[in-house]
Amino acid sequence: MIEIIANQPDNILAFTAHGQVTGEDYESVLIPAVEAKLKEHRKIRLLYHLDNDFSGFDAKALWDDTKVGFQHLTAWAKIAVVSNNKWILGATKFFGFIWPCPVKVFDNNHLLEANEWLKA
């Protein structure tokens, strides 16, 4: 399940993932939110928080994640990924060089720090 984190500055889009994240979560929550935000801003900042109860992505979610990222490759101003999942943090660090924007990882104890980093 993906939820939008409310009360963010207008140019920040923030999500929390719980349990198993599915393609349906991307298609009903994340992708429409990204598309709507991009109608308001040329570049947006993304906070993606994988909460402690996050258990993984299904294949469709992984595909949708890749698709939305690359379809809007130049639309990201900054990306913060927050998780205690070591493979997520490692993969984000490894592939972070691909993105034409700053990408930073934080563990779940530093969610507020990640949010502040996006605002700066």
PDB file of N, CA and C in Angstrom:
ATOM      1  N   MET A   1       0.843  -1.176   0.000  1.00  0.00           N
ATOM      2  CA  MET A   1       0.000   0.000   0.000  1.00  0.00           C
ATOM      3  C   MET A   1       0.889   1.239   0.000  1.00  0.00           C
ATOM      4  N   ILE A   2       0.518   2.225  -0.778  1.00  0.00           N
ATOM      5  CA  ILE A   2       1.211   3.508  -0.820  1.00  0.00           C
ATOM      6  C   ILE A   2       0.245   4.589  -0.370  1.00  0.00           C
ATOM      7  N   GLU A   3       0.749   5.448   0.521  1.00  0.00           N
ATOM      8  CA  GLU A   3      -0.037   6.592   0.989  1.00  0.00           C
ATOM      9  C   GLU A   3       0.734   7.875   0.701  1.00  0.00           C
ATOM     10  N   ILE A   4      -0.003   8.920   0.371  1.00  0.00           N
ATOM     11  CA  ILE A   4       0.597  10.232   0.202  1.00  0.00           C
ATOM     12  C   ILE A   4       0.800  10.840   1.588  1.00  0.00           C
ATOM     13  N   ILE A   5       1.986  11.389   1.820  1.00  0.00           N
ATOM     14  CA  ILE A   5       2.266  12.101   3.068  1.00  0.00           C
ATOM     15  C   ILE A   5       1.812  13.546   2.869  1.00  0.00           C
ATOM     16  N   ALA A   6       0.839  13.970   3.663  1.00  0.00           N
ATOM     17  CA  ALA A   6       0.245  15.304   3.525  1.00  0.00           C
ATOM     18  C   ALA A   6       1.131  16.375   4.148  1.00  0.00           C
ATOM     19  N   ASN A   7       0.714  17.609   3.966  1.00  0.00           N
ATOM     20  CA  ASN A   7       1.336  18.787   4.563  1.00  0.00           C
ATOM     21  C   ASN A   7       2.786  18.974   4.140  1.00  0.00           C
ATOM     22  N   GLN A   8       3.029  18.819   2.848  1.00  0.00           N
ATOM     23  CA  GLN A   8       4.350  19.043   2.275  1.00  0.00           C
ATOM     24  C   GLN A   8       4.348  20.360   1.505  1.00  0.00           C
ATOM     25  N   PRO A   9       5.519  20.979   1.353  1.00  0.00           N
ATOM     26  CA  PRO A   9       5.580  22.142   0.464  1.00  0.00           C
ATOM     27  C   PRO A   9       5.069  21.751  -0.927  1.00  0.00           C
ATOM     28  N   ASP A  10       4.625  22.740  -1.674  1.00  0.00           N
ATOM     29  CA  ASP A  10       3.951  22.486  -2.940  1.00  0.00           C
ATOM     30  C   ASP A  10       4.808  21.745  -3.960  1.00  0.00           C
ATOM     31  N   ASN A  11       6.127  21.897  -3.898  1.00  0.00           N
ATOM     32  CA  ASN A  11       6.983  21.254  -4.891  1.00  0.00           C
ATOM     33  C   ASN A  11       7.528  19.901  -4.428  1.00  0.00           C
ATOM     34  N   ILE A  12       7.048  19.408  -3.286  1.00  0.00           N
ATOM     35  CA  ILE A  12       7.484  18.112  -2.767  1.00  0.00           C
ATOM     36  C   ILE A  12       6.327  17.131  -2.811  1.00  0.00           C
ATOM     37  N   LEU A  13       6.608  15.969  -3.339  1.00  0.00           N
ATOM     38  CA  LEU A  13       5.647  14.873  -3.367  1.00  0.00           C
ATOM     39  C   LEU A  13       6.223  13.782  -2.485  1.00  0.00           C
ATOM     40  N   ALA A  14       5.465  13.376  -1.467  1.00  0.00           N
ATOM     41  CA  ALA A  14       5.981  12.424  -0.481  1.00  0.00           C
ATOM     42  C   ALA A  14       5.025  11.248  -0.326  1.00  0.00           C
ATOM     43  N   PHE A  15       5.616  10.059  -0.243  1.00  0.00           N
ATOM     44  CA  PHE A  15       4.853   8.822  -0.124  1.00  0.00           C
ATOM     45  C   PHE A  15       5.433   7.956   0.982  1.00  0.00           C
ATOM     46  N   THR A  16       4.556   7.168   1.610  1.00  0.00           N
ATOM     47  CA  THR A  16       4.979   6.102   2.516  1.00  0.00           C
ATOM     48  C   THR A  16       4.431   4.796   1.976  1.00  0.00           C
ATOM     49  N   ALA A  17       5.305   3.792   1.935  1.00  0.00           N
ATOM     50  CA  ALA A  17       4.904   2.453   1.487  1.00  0.00           C
ATOM     51  C   ALA A  17       4.806   1.537   2.696  1.00  0.00           C
ATOM     52  N   HIS A  18       3.721   0.767   2.747  1.00  0.00           N
ATOM     53  CA  HIS A  18       3.483  -0.209   3.811  1.00  0.00           C
ATOM     54  C   HIS A  18       3.230  -1.577   3.181  1.00  0.00           C
ATOM     55  N   GLY A  19       3.676  -2.626   3.857  1.00  0.00           N
ATOM     56  CA  GLY A  19       3.378  -3.987   3.406  1.00  0.00           C
ATOM     57  C   GLY A  19       3.873  -4.241   2.001  1.00  0.00           C
ATOM     58  N   GLN A  20       3.119  -5.035   1.266  1.00  0.00           N
ATOM     59  CA  GLN A  20       3.448  -5.356  -0.127  1.00  0.00           C
ATOM     60  C   GLN A  20       2.925  -4.245  -1.023  1.00  0.00           C
ATOM     61  N   VAL A  21       3.792  -3.657  -1.820  1.00  0.00           N
ATOM     62  CA  VAL A  21       3.411  -2.598  -2.753  1.00  0.00           C
ATOM     63  C   VAL A  21       3.141  -3.251  -4.106  1.00  0.00           C
ATOM     64  N   THR A  22       2.005  -2.913  -4.681  1.00  0.00           N
ATOM     65  CA  THR A  22       1.574  -3.536  -5.931  1.00  0.00           C
ATOM     66  C   THR A  22       1.533  -2.523  -7.075  1.00  0.00           C
ATOM     67  N   GLY A  23       1.422  -3.059  -8.267  1.00  0.00           N
ATOM     68  CA  GLY A  23       1.234  -2.204  -9.427  1.00  0.00           C
ATOM     69  C   GLY A  23      -0.025  -1.362  -9.302  1.00  0.00           C
ATOM     70  N   GLU A  24      -1.047  -1.926  -8.706  1.00  0.00           N
ATOM     71  CA  GLU A  24      -2.289  -1.169  -8.478  1.00  0.00           C
ATOM     72  C   GLU A  24      -2.031   0.047  -7.595  1.00  0.00           C
ATOM     73  N   ASP A  25      -1.164  -0.094  -6.595  1.00  0.00           N
ATOM     74  CA  ASP A  25      -0.807   1.054  -5.747  1.00  0.00           C
ATOM     75  C   ASP A  25      -0.179   2.163  -6.587  1.00  0.00           C
ATOM     76  N   TYR A  26       0.708   1.778  -7.491  1.00  0.00           N
ATOM     77  CA  TYR A  26       1.337   2.767  -8.365  1.00  0.00           C
ATOM     78  C   TYR A  26       0.307   3.416  -9.278  1.00  0.00           C
ATOM     79  N   GLU A  27      -0.548   2.603  -9.861  1.00  0.00           N
ATOM     80  CA  GLU A  27      -1.494   3.115 -10.852  1.00  0.00           C
ATOM     81  C   GLU A  27      -2.630   3.931 -10.234  1.00  0.00           C
ATOM     82  N   SER A  28      -2.969   3.668  -8.976  1.00  0.00           N
ATOM     83  CA  SER A  28      -4.079   4.400  -8.365  1.00  0.00           C
ATOM     84  C   SER A  28      -3.616   5.548  -7.453  1.00  0.00           C
ATOM     85  N   VAL A  29      -2.367   5.515  -6.983  1.00  0.00           N
ATOM     86  CA  VAL A  29      -1.907   6.550  -6.042  1.00  0.00           C
ATOM     87  C   VAL A  29      -0.695   7.300  -6.591  1.00  0.00           C
ATOM     88  N   LEU A  30       0.416   6.610  -6.758  1.00  0.00           N
ATOM     89  CA  LEU A  30       1.679   7.288  -7.045  1.00  0.00           C
ATOM     90  C   LEU A  30       1.705   7.951  -8.418  1.00  0.00           C
ATOM     91  N   ILE A  31       1.384   7.219  -9.459  1.00  0.00           N
ATOM     92  CA  ILE A  31       1.464   7.787 -10.810  1.00  0.00           C
ATOM     93  C   ILE A  31       0.512   8.963 -10.993  1.00  0.00           C
ATOM     94  N   PRO A  32      -0.759   8.874 -10.570  1.00  0.00           N
ATOM     95  CA  PRO A  32      -1.629  10.053 -10.711  1.00  0.00           C
ATOM     96  C   PRO A  32      -1.118  11.267  -9.923  1.00  0.00           C
ATOM     97  N   ALA A  33      -0.536  11.036  -8.750  1.00  0.00           N
ATOM     98  CA  ALA A  33      -0.001  12.148  -7.952  1.00  0.00           C
ATOM     99  C   ALA A  33       1.188  12.799  -8.653  1.00  0.00           C
ATOM    100  N   VAL A  34       2.065  11.984  -9.228  1.00  0.00           N
ATOM    101  CA  VAL A  34       3.208  12.524  -9.970  1.00  0.00           C
ATOM    102  C   VAL A  34       2.715  13.325 -11.171  1.00  0.00           C
ATOM    103  N   GLU A  35       1.802  12.757 -11.946  1.00  0.00           N
ATOM    104  CA  GLU A  35       1.288  13.440 -13.133  1.00  0.00           C
ATOM    105  C   GLU A  35       0.614  14.771 -12.766  1.00  0.00           C
ATOM    106  N   ALA A  36      -0.162  14.780 -11.689  1.00  0.00           N
ATOM    107  CA  ALA A  36      -0.839  16.012 -11.263  1.00  0.00           C
ATOM    108  C   ALA A  36       0.173  17.060 -10.819  1.00  0.00           C
ATOM    109  N   LYS A  37       1.184  16.644 -10.062  1.00  0.00           N
ATOM    110  CA  LYS A  37       2.192  17.583  -9.575  1.00  0.00           C
ATOM    111  C   LYS A  37       2.995  18.171 -10.729  1.00  0.00           C
ATOM    112  N   LEU A  38       3.257  17.360 -11.748  1.00  0.00           N
ATOM    113  CA  LEU A  38       4.019  17.852 -12.899  1.00  0.00           C
ATOM    114  C   LEU A  38       3.219  18.831 -13.763  1.00  0.00           C
ATOM    115  N   LYS A  39       1.925  18.865 -13.602  1.00  0.00           N
ATOM    116  CA  LYS A  39       1.122  19.881 -14.282  1.00  0.00           C
ATOM    117  C   LYS A  39       1.298  21.237 -13.600  1.00  0.00           C
ATOM    118  N   GLU A  40       1.708  21.220 -12.333  1.00  0.00           N
ATOM    119  CA  GLU A  40       1.901  22.450 -11.556  1.00  0.00           C
ATOM    120  C   GLU A  40       3.354  22.918 -11.532  1.00  0.00           C
ATOM    121  N   HIS A  41       4.298  21.977 -11.643  1.00  0.00           N
ATOM    122  CA  HIS A  41       5.721  22.279 -11.506  1.00  0.00           C
ATOM    123  C   HIS A  41       6.516  21.578 -12.595  1.00  0.00           C
ATOM    124  N   ARG A  42       7.516  22.271 -13.106  1.00  0.00           N
ATOM    125  CA  ARG A  42       8.404  21.674 -14.103  1.00  0.00           C
ATOM    126  C   ARG A  42       9.299  20.622 -13.472  1.00  0.00           C
ATOM    127  N   LYS A  43       9.725  20.870 -12.225  1.00  0.00           N
ATOM    128  CA  LYS A  43      10.559  19.930 -11.472  1.00  0.00           C
ATOM    129  C   LYS A  43       9.953  19.737 -10.088  1.00  0.00           C
ATOM    130  N   ILE A  44      10.001  18.500  -9.613  1.00  0.00           N
ATOM    131  CA  ILE A  44       9.477  18.210  -8.280  1.00  0.00           C
ATOM    132  C   ILE A  44      10.522  17.446  -7.473  1.00  0.00           C
ATOM    133  N   ARG A  45      10.337  17.504  -6.173  1.00  0.00           N
ATOM    134  CA  ARG A  45      11.194  16.789  -5.232  1.00  0.00           C
ATOM    135  C   ARG A  45      10.384  15.616  -4.689  1.00  0.00           C
ATOM    136  N   LEU A  46      11.036  14.467  -4.575  1.00  0.00           N
ATOM    137  CA  LEU A  46      10.337  13.243  -4.196  1.00  0.00           C
ATOM    138  C   LEU A  46      10.905  12.671  -2.910  1.00  0.00           C
ATOM    139  N   LEU A  47      10.005  12.381  -1.974  1.00  0.00           N
ATOM    140  CA  LEU A  47      10.347  11.644  -0.764  1.00  0.00           C
ATOM    141  C   LEU A  47       9.623  10.308  -0.843  1.00  0.00           C
ATOM    142  N   TYR A  48      10.396   9.229  -0.825  1.00  0.00           N
ATOM    143  CA  TYR A  48       9.804   7.885  -0.878  1.00  0.00           C
ATOM    144  C   TYR A  48      10.246   7.156   0.380  1.00  0.00           C
ATOM    145  N   HIS A  49       9.295   6.989   1.294  1.00  0.00           N
ATOM    146  CA  HIS A  49       9.554   6.364   2.592  1.00  0.00           C
ATOM    147  C   HIS A  49       8.995   4.948   2.585  1.00  0.00           C
ATOM    148  N   LEU A  50       9.877   3.977   2.801  1.00  0.00           N
ATOM    149  CA  LEU A  50       9.468   2.575   2.904  1.00  0.00           C
ATOM    150  C   LEU A  50       9.461   2.259   4.401  1.00  0.00           C
ATOM    151  N   ASP A  51       8.286   2.247   4.989  1.00  0.00           N
ATOM    152  CA  ASP A  51       8.147   2.121   6.441  1.00  0.00           C
ATOM    153  C   ASP A  51       8.650   0.758   6.918  1.00  0.00           C
ATOM    154  N   ASN A  52       8.768   0.613   8.223  1.00  0.00           N
ATOM    155  CA  ASN A  52       9.300  -0.621   8.800  1.00  0.00           C
ATOM    156  C   ASN A  52       8.480  -1.852   8.437  1.00  0.00           C
ATOM    157  N   ASP A  53       7.186  -1.673   8.139  1.00  0.00           N
ATOM    158  CA  ASP A  53       6.348  -2.818   7.777  1.00  0.00           C
ATOM    159  C   ASP A  53       6.354  -3.110   6.270  1.00  0.00           C
ATOM    160  N   PHE A  54       7.140  -2.362   5.501  1.00  0.00           N
ATOM    161  CA  PHE A  54       7.270  -2.608   4.068  1.00  0.00           C
ATOM    162  C   PHE A  54       7.843  -4.009   3.850  1.00  0.00           C
ATOM    163  N   SER A  55       7.190  -4.790   2.964  1.00  0.00           N
ATOM    164  CA  SER A  55       7.652  -6.161   2.745  1.00  0.00           C
ATOM    165  C   SER A  55       8.116  -6.432   1.317  1.00  0.00           C
ATOM    166  N   GLY A  56       7.932  -5.472   0.409  1.00  0.00           N
ATOM    167  CA  GLY A  56       8.436  -5.659  -0.942  1.00  0.00           C
ATOM    168  C   GLY A  56       7.501  -5.123  -2.003  1.00  0.00           C
ATOM    169  N   PHE A  57       7.955  -5.263  -3.253  1.00  0.00           N
ATOM    170  CA  PHE A  57       7.205  -4.835  -4.426  1.00  0.00           C
ATOM    171  C   PHE A  57       6.811  -6.064  -5.233  1.00  0.00           C
ATOM    172  N   ASP A  58       5.620  -6.044  -5.830  1.00  0.00           N
ATOM    173  CA  ASP A  58       5.335  -7.091  -6.803  1.00  0.00           C
ATOM    174  C   ASP A  58       5.967  -6.675  -8.133  1.00  0.00           C
ATOM    175  N   ALA A  59       5.980  -7.577  -9.105  1.00  0.00           N
ATOM    176  CA  ALA A  59       6.655  -7.327 -10.377  1.00  0.00           C
ATOM    177  C   ALA A  59       6.075  -6.109 -11.094  1.00  0.00           C
ATOM    178  N   LYS A  60       4.771  -5.949 -11.058  1.00  0.00           N
ATOM    179  CA  LYS A  60       4.124  -4.806 -11.731  1.00  0.00           C
ATOM    180  C   LYS A  60       4.546  -3.498 -11.073  1.00  0.00           C
ATOM    181  N   ALA A  61       4.666  -3.475  -9.754  1.00  0.00           N
ATOM    182  CA  ALA A  61       5.111  -2.262  -9.051  1.00  0.00           C
ATOM    183  C   ALA A  61       6.541  -1.903  -9.442  1.00  0.00           C
ATOM    184  N   LEU A  62       7.406  -2.901  -9.534  1.00  0.00           N
ATOM    185  CA  LEU A  62       8.791  -2.638  -9.952  1.00  0.00           C
ATOM    186  C   LEU A  62       8.829  -2.058 -11.359  1.00  0.00           C
ATOM    187  N   TRP A  63       8.022  -2.614 -12.245  1.00  0.00           N
ATOM    188  CA  TRP A  63       7.961  -2.104 -13.606  1.00  0.00           C
ATOM    189  C   TRP A  63       7.427  -0.674 -13.623  1.00  0.00           C
ATOM    190  N   ASP A  64       6.334  -0.426 -12.886  1.00  0.00           N
ATOM    191  CA  ASP A  64       5.746   0.915 -12.844  1.00  0.00           C
ATOM    192  C   ASP A  64       6.718   1.923 -12.239  1.00  0.00           C
ATOM    193  N   ASP A  65       7.475   1.512 -11.232  1.00  0.00           N
ATOM    194  CA  ASP A  65       8.457   2.397 -10.609  1.00  0.00           C
ATOM    195  C   ASP A  65       9.516   2.801 -11.633  1.00  0.00           C
ATOM    196  N   THR A  66      10.025   1.831 -12.353  1.00  0.00           N
ATOM    197  CA  THR A  66      11.036   2.106 -13.379  1.00  0.00           C
ATOM    198  C   THR A  66      10.464   3.004 -14.468  1.00  0.00           C
ATOM    199  N   LYS A  67       9.261   2.685 -14.896  1.00  0.00           N
ATOM    200  CA  LYS A  67       8.617   3.430 -15.973  1.00  0.00           C
ATOM    201  C   LYS A  67       8.391   4.895 -15.595  1.00  0.00           C
ATOM    202  N   VAL A  68       7.825   5.141 -14.425  1.00  0.00           N
ATOM    203  CA  VAL A  68       7.533   6.522 -14.027  1.00  0.00           C
ATOM    204  C   VAL A  68       8.835   7.297 -13.827  1.00  0.00           C
ATOM    205  N   GLY A  69       9.857   6.642 -13.306  1.00  0.00           N
ATOM    206  CA  GLY A  69      11.139   7.312 -13.120  1.00  0.00           C
ATOM    207  C   GLY A  69      11.752   7.748 -14.436  1.00  0.00           C
ATOM    208  N   PHE A  70      11.785   6.843 -15.403  1.00  0.00           N
ATOM    209  CA  PHE A  70      12.426   7.157 -16.676  1.00  0.00           C
ATOM    210  C   PHE A  70      11.559   8.015 -17.591  1.00  0.00           C
ATOM    211  N   GLN A  71      10.242   7.910 -17.489  1.00  0.00           N
ATOM    212  CA  GLN A  71       9.379   8.765 -18.307  1.00  0.00           C
ATOM    213  C   GLN A  71       9.547  10.229 -17.934  1.00  0.00           C
ATOM    214  N   HIS A  72       9.915  10.473 -16.687  1.00  0.00           N
ATOM    215  CA  HIS A  72      10.051  11.842 -16.200  1.00  0.00           C
ATOM    216  C   HIS A  72      11.474  12.090 -15.700  1.00  0.00           C
ATOM    217  N   LEU A  73      12.440  11.546 -16.390  1.00  0.00           N
ATOM    218  CA  LEU A  73      13.826  11.566 -15.935  1.00  0.00           C
ATOM    219  C   LEU A  73      14.319  12.957 -15.572  1.00  0.00           C
ATOM    220  N   THR A  74      13.936  13.971 -16.330  1.00  0.00           N
ATOM    221  CA  THR A  74      14.422  15.328 -16.060  1.00  0.00           C
ATOM    222  C   THR A  74      13.475  16.127 -15.169  1.00  0.00           C
ATOM    223  N   ALA A  75      12.416  15.513 -14.682  1.00  0.00           N
ATOM    224  CA  ALA A  75      11.430  16.232 -13.858  1.00  0.00           C
ATOM    225  C   ALA A  75      11.776  16.225 -12.377  1.00  0.00           C
ATOM    226  N   TRP A  76      12.761  15.433 -11.978  1.00  0.00           N
ATOM    227  CA  TRP A  76      13.095  15.317 -10.561  1.00  0.00           C
ATOM    228  C   TRP A  76      14.153  16.352 -10.186  1.00  0.00           C
ATOM    229  N   ALA A  77      13.869  17.130  -9.145  1.00  0.00           N
ATOM    230  CA  ALA A  77      14.844  18.106  -8.641  1.00  0.00           C
ATOM    231  C   ALA A  77      15.736  17.470  -7.583  1.00  0.00           C
ATOM    232  N   LYS A  78      15.148  16.641  -6.727  1.00  0.00           N
ATOM    233  CA  LYS A  78      15.857  15.899  -5.684  1.00  0.00           C
ATOM    234  C   LYS A  78      15.026  14.672  -5.350  1.00  0.00           C
ATOM    235  N   ILE A  79      15.707  13.600  -4.964  1.00  0.00           N
ATOM    236  CA  ILE A  79      15.010  12.387  -4.542  1.00  0.00           C
ATOM    237  C   ILE A  79      15.614  11.908  -3.237  1.00  0.00           C
ATOM    238  N   ALA A  80      14.758  11.689  -2.239  1.00  0.00           N
ATOM    239  CA  ALA A  80      15.177  11.105  -0.965  1.00  0.00           C
ATOM    240  C   ALA A  80      14.444   9.780  -0.791  1.00  0.00           C
ATOM    241  N   VAL A  81      15.211   8.725  -0.538  1.00  0.00           N
ATOM    242  CA  VAL A  81      14.641   7.407  -0.266  1.00  0.00           C
ATOM    243  C   VAL A  81      14.943   7.085   1.188  1.00  0.00           C
ATOM    244  N   VAL A  82      13.883   6.756   1.941  1.00  0.00           N
ATOM    245  CA  VAL A  82      14.010   6.502   3.376  1.00  0.00           C
ATOM    246  C   VAL A  82      13.552   5.081   3.652  1.00  0.00           C
ATOM    247  N   SER A  83      14.452   4.272   4.220  1.00  0.00           N
ATOM    248  CA  SER A  83      14.127   2.873   4.460  1.00  0.00           C
ATOM    249  C   SER A  83      15.163   2.248   5.376  1.00  0.00           C
ATOM    250  N   ASN A  84      14.776   1.170   6.015  1.00  0.00           N
ATOM    251  CA  ASN A  84      15.727   0.335   6.732  1.00  0.00           C
ATOM    252  C   ASN A  84      16.058  -0.916   5.936  1.00  0.00           C
ATOM    253  N   ASN A  85      15.487  -1.028   4.753  1.00  0.00           N
ATOM    254  CA  ASN A  85      15.708  -2.181   3.893  1.00  0.00           C
ATOM    255  C   ASN A  85      17.052  -2.009   3.183  1.00  0.00           C
ATOM    256  N   LYS A  86      18.000  -2.852   3.508  1.00  0.00           N
ATOM    257  CA  LYS A  86      19.367  -2.694   3.005  1.00  0.00           C
ATOM    258  C   LYS A  86      19.473  -2.820   1.487  1.00  0.00           C
ATOM    259  N   TRP A  87      18.678  -3.718   0.863  1.00  0.00           N
ATOM    260  CA  TRP A  87      18.799  -3.841  -0.585  1.00  0.00           C
ATOM    261  C   TRP A  87      18.218  -2.628  -1.292  1.00  0.00           C
ATOM    262  N   ILE A  88      17.171  -2.019  -0.726  1.00  0.00           N
ATOM    263  CA  ILE A  88      16.597  -0.795  -1.311  1.00  0.00           C
ATOM    264  C   ILE A  88      17.618   0.334  -1.228  1.00  0.00           C
ATOM    265  N   LEU A  89      18.219   0.508  -0.049  1.00  0.00           N
ATOM    266  CA  LEU A  89      19.205   1.574   0.122  1.00  0.00           C
ATOM    267  C   LEU A  89      20.419   1.338  -0.763  1.00  0.00           C
ATOM    268  N   GLY A  90      20.881   0.091  -0.839  1.00  0.00           N
ATOM    269  CA  GLY A  90      22.025  -0.226  -1.685  1.00  0.00           C
ATOM    270  C   GLY A  90      21.738   0.004  -3.161  1.00  0.00           C
ATOM    271  N   ALA A  91      20.581  -0.450  -3.613  1.00  0.00           N
ATOM    272  CA  ALA A  91      20.206  -0.260  -5.018  1.00  0.00           C
ATOM    273  C   ALA A  91      20.050   1.221  -5.347  1.00  0.00           C
ATOM    274  N   THR A  92      19.487   1.981  -4.420  1.00  0.00           N
ATOM    275  CA  THR A  92      19.321   3.416  -4.642  1.00  0.00           C
ATOM    276  C   THR A  92      20.678   4.094  -4.750  1.00  0.00           C
ATOM    277  N   LYS A  93      21.592   3.748  -3.873  1.00  0.00           N
ATOM    278  CA  LYS A  93      22.948   4.314  -3.952  1.00  0.00           C
ATOM    279  C   LYS A  93      23.627   3.917  -5.264  1.00  0.00           C
ATOM    280  N   PHE A  94      23.498   2.647  -5.626  1.00  0.00           N
ATOM    281  CA  PHE A  94      24.149   2.137  -6.831  1.00  0.00           C
ATOM    282  C   PHE A  94      23.625   2.819  -8.092  1.00  0.00           C
ATOM    283  N   PHE A  95      22.291   2.942  -8.200  1.00  0.00           N
ATOM    284  CA  PHE A  95      21.698   3.512  -9.403  1.00  0.00           C
ATOM    285  C   PHE A  95      21.509   5.024  -9.317  1.00  0.00           C
ATOM    286  N   GLY A  96      21.809   5.615  -8.177  1.00  0.00           N
ATOM    287  CA  GLY A  96      21.614   7.052  -8.000  1.00  0.00           C
ATOM    288  C   GLY A  96      22.391   7.892  -8.990  1.00  0.00           C
ATOM    289  N   PHE A  97      23.522   7.386  -9.460  1.00  0.00           N
ATOM    290  CA  PHE A  97      24.335   8.157 -10.409  1.00  0.00           C
ATOM    291  C   PHE A  97      23.638   8.347 -11.751  1.00  0.00           C
ATOM    292  N   ILE A  98      22.655   7.528 -12.057  1.00  0.00           N
ATOM    293  CA  ILE A  98      21.924   7.629 -13.329  1.00  0.00           C
ATOM    294  C   ILE A  98      21.074   8.889 -13.368  1.00  0.00           C
ATOM    295  N   TRP A  99      20.539   9.271 -12.238  1.00  0.00           N
ATOM    296  CA  TRP A  99      19.584  10.370 -12.197  1.00  0.00           C
ATOM    297  C   TRP A  99      20.295  11.704 -12.341  1.00  0.00           C
ATOM    298  N   PRO A 100      19.716  12.601 -13.114  1.00  0.00           N
ATOM    299  CA  PRO A 100      20.333  13.920 -13.304  1.00  0.00           C
ATOM    300  C   PRO A 100      19.960  14.893 -12.178  1.00  0.00           C
ATOM    301  N   CYS A 101      19.783  14.354 -10.985  1.00  0.00           N
ATOM    302  CA  CYS A 101      19.462  15.178  -9.815  1.00  0.00           C
ATOM    303  C   CYS A 101      20.110  14.529  -8.592  1.00  0.00           C
ATOM    304  N   PRO A 102      20.230  15.270  -7.495  1.00  0.00           N
ATOM    305  CA  PRO A 102      20.752  14.652  -6.275  1.00  0.00           C
ATOM    306  C   PRO A 102      19.802  13.571  -5.748  1.00  0.00           C
ATOM    307  N   VAL A 103      20.367  12.433  -5.368  1.00  0.00           N
ATOM    308  CA  VAL A 103      19.625  11.320  -4.773  1.00  0.00           C
ATOM    309  C   VAL A 103      20.342  10.974  -3.482  1.00  0.00           C
ATOM    310  N   LYS A 104      19.568  10.908  -2.405  1.00  0.00           N
ATOM    311  CA  LYS A 104      20.170  10.617  -1.111  1.00  0.00           C
ATOM    312  C   LYS A 104      19.317   9.588  -0.377  1.00  0.00           C
ATOM    313  N   VAL A 105      19.983   8.703   0.361  1.00  0.00           N
ATOM    314  CA  VAL A 105      19.277   7.691   1.143  1.00  0.00           C
ATOM    315  C   VAL A 105      19.392   8.010   2.628  1.00  0.00           C
ATOM    316  N   PHE A 106      18.348   7.630   3.353  1.00  0.00           N
ATOM    317  CA  PHE A 106      18.265   7.835   4.791  1.00  0.00           C
ATOM    318  C   PHE A 106      17.645   6.592   5.408  1.00  0.00           C
ATOM    319  N   ASP A 107      18.022   6.273   6.642  1.00  0.00           N
ATOM    320  CA  ASP A 107      17.311   5.187   7.308  1.00  0.00           C
ATOM    321  C   ASP A 107      16.056   5.762   7.960  1.00  0.00           C
ATOM    322  N   ASN A 108      15.159   4.886   8.389  1.00  0.00           N
ATOM    323  CA  ASN A 108      13.861   5.324   8.906  1.00  0.00           C
ATOM    324  C   ASN A 108      13.958   6.230  10.129  1.00  0.00           C
ATOM    325  N   ASN A 109      15.055   6.165  10.851  1.00  0.00           N
ATOM    326  CA  ASN A 109      15.225   7.063  12.000  1.00  0.00           C
ATOM    327  C   ASN A 109      15.501   8.493  11.579  1.00  0.00           C
ATOM    328  N   HIS A 110      15.723   8.717  10.283  1.00  0.00           N
ATOM    329  CA  HIS A 110      16.070  10.052   9.788  1.00  0.00           C
ATOM    330  C   HIS A 110      15.065  10.576   8.760  1.00  0.00           C
ATOM    331  N   LEU A 111      13.811  10.206   8.923  1.00  0.00           N
ATOM    332  CA  LEU A 111      12.758  10.669   8.009  1.00  0.00           C
ATOM    333  C   LEU A 111      12.643  12.193   8.025  1.00  0.00           C
ATOM    334  N   LEU A 112      12.674  12.798   9.193  1.00  0.00           N
ATOM    335  CA  LEU A 112      12.571  14.262   9.274  1.00  0.00           C
ATOM    336  C   LEU A 112      13.772  14.920   8.618  1.00  0.00           C
ATOM    337  N   GLU A 113      14.954  14.349   8.794  1.00  0.00           N
ATOM    338  CA  GLU A 113      16.163  14.878   8.154  1.00  0.00           C
ATOM    339  C   GLU A 113      16.034  14.804   6.631  1.00  0.00           C
ATOM    340  N   ALA A 114      15.482  13.714   6.128  1.00  0.00           N
ATOM    341  CA  ALA A 114      15.278  13.569   4.683  1.00  0.00           C
ATOM    342  C   ALA A 114      14.338  14.649   4.167  1.00  0.00           C
ATOM    343  N   ASN A 115      13.288  14.891   4.907  1.00  0.00           N
ATOM    344  CA  ASN A 115      12.321  15.923   4.516  1.00  0.00           C
ATOM    345  C   ASN A 115      12.985  17.301   4.509  1.00  0.00           C
ATOM    346  N   GLU A 116      13.798  17.579   5.505  1.00  0.00           N
ATOM    347  CA  GLU A 116      14.514  18.872   5.561  1.00  0.00           C
ATOM    348  C   GLU A 116      15.507  18.993   4.411  1.00  0.00           C
ATOM    349  N   TRP A 117      16.187  17.899   4.074  1.00  0.00           N
ATOM    350  CA  TRP A 117      17.133  17.915   2.962  1.00  0.00           C
ATOM    351  C   TRP A 117      16.409  18.256   1.662  1.00  0.00           C
ATOM    352  N   LEU A 118      15.216  17.716   1.477  1.00  0.00           N
ATOM    353  CA  LEU A 118      14.455  18.024   0.258  1.00  0.00           C
ATOM    354  C   LEU A 118      14.057  19.492   0.193  1.00  0.00           C
ATOM    355  N   LYS A 119      13.756  20.068   1.321  1.00  0.00           N
ATOM    356  CA  LYS A 119      13.323  21.476   1.370  1.00  0.00           C
ATOM    357  C   LYS A 119      14.455  22.450   1.101  1.00  0.00           C
ATOM    358  N   ALA A 120      15.684  22.048   1.375  1.00  0.00           N
ATOM    359  CA  ALA A 120      16.836  22.958   1.246  1.00  0.00           C
ATOM    360  C   ALA A 120      17.192  23.194  -0.206  1.00  0.00           C
TER     361      ALA A 120
END
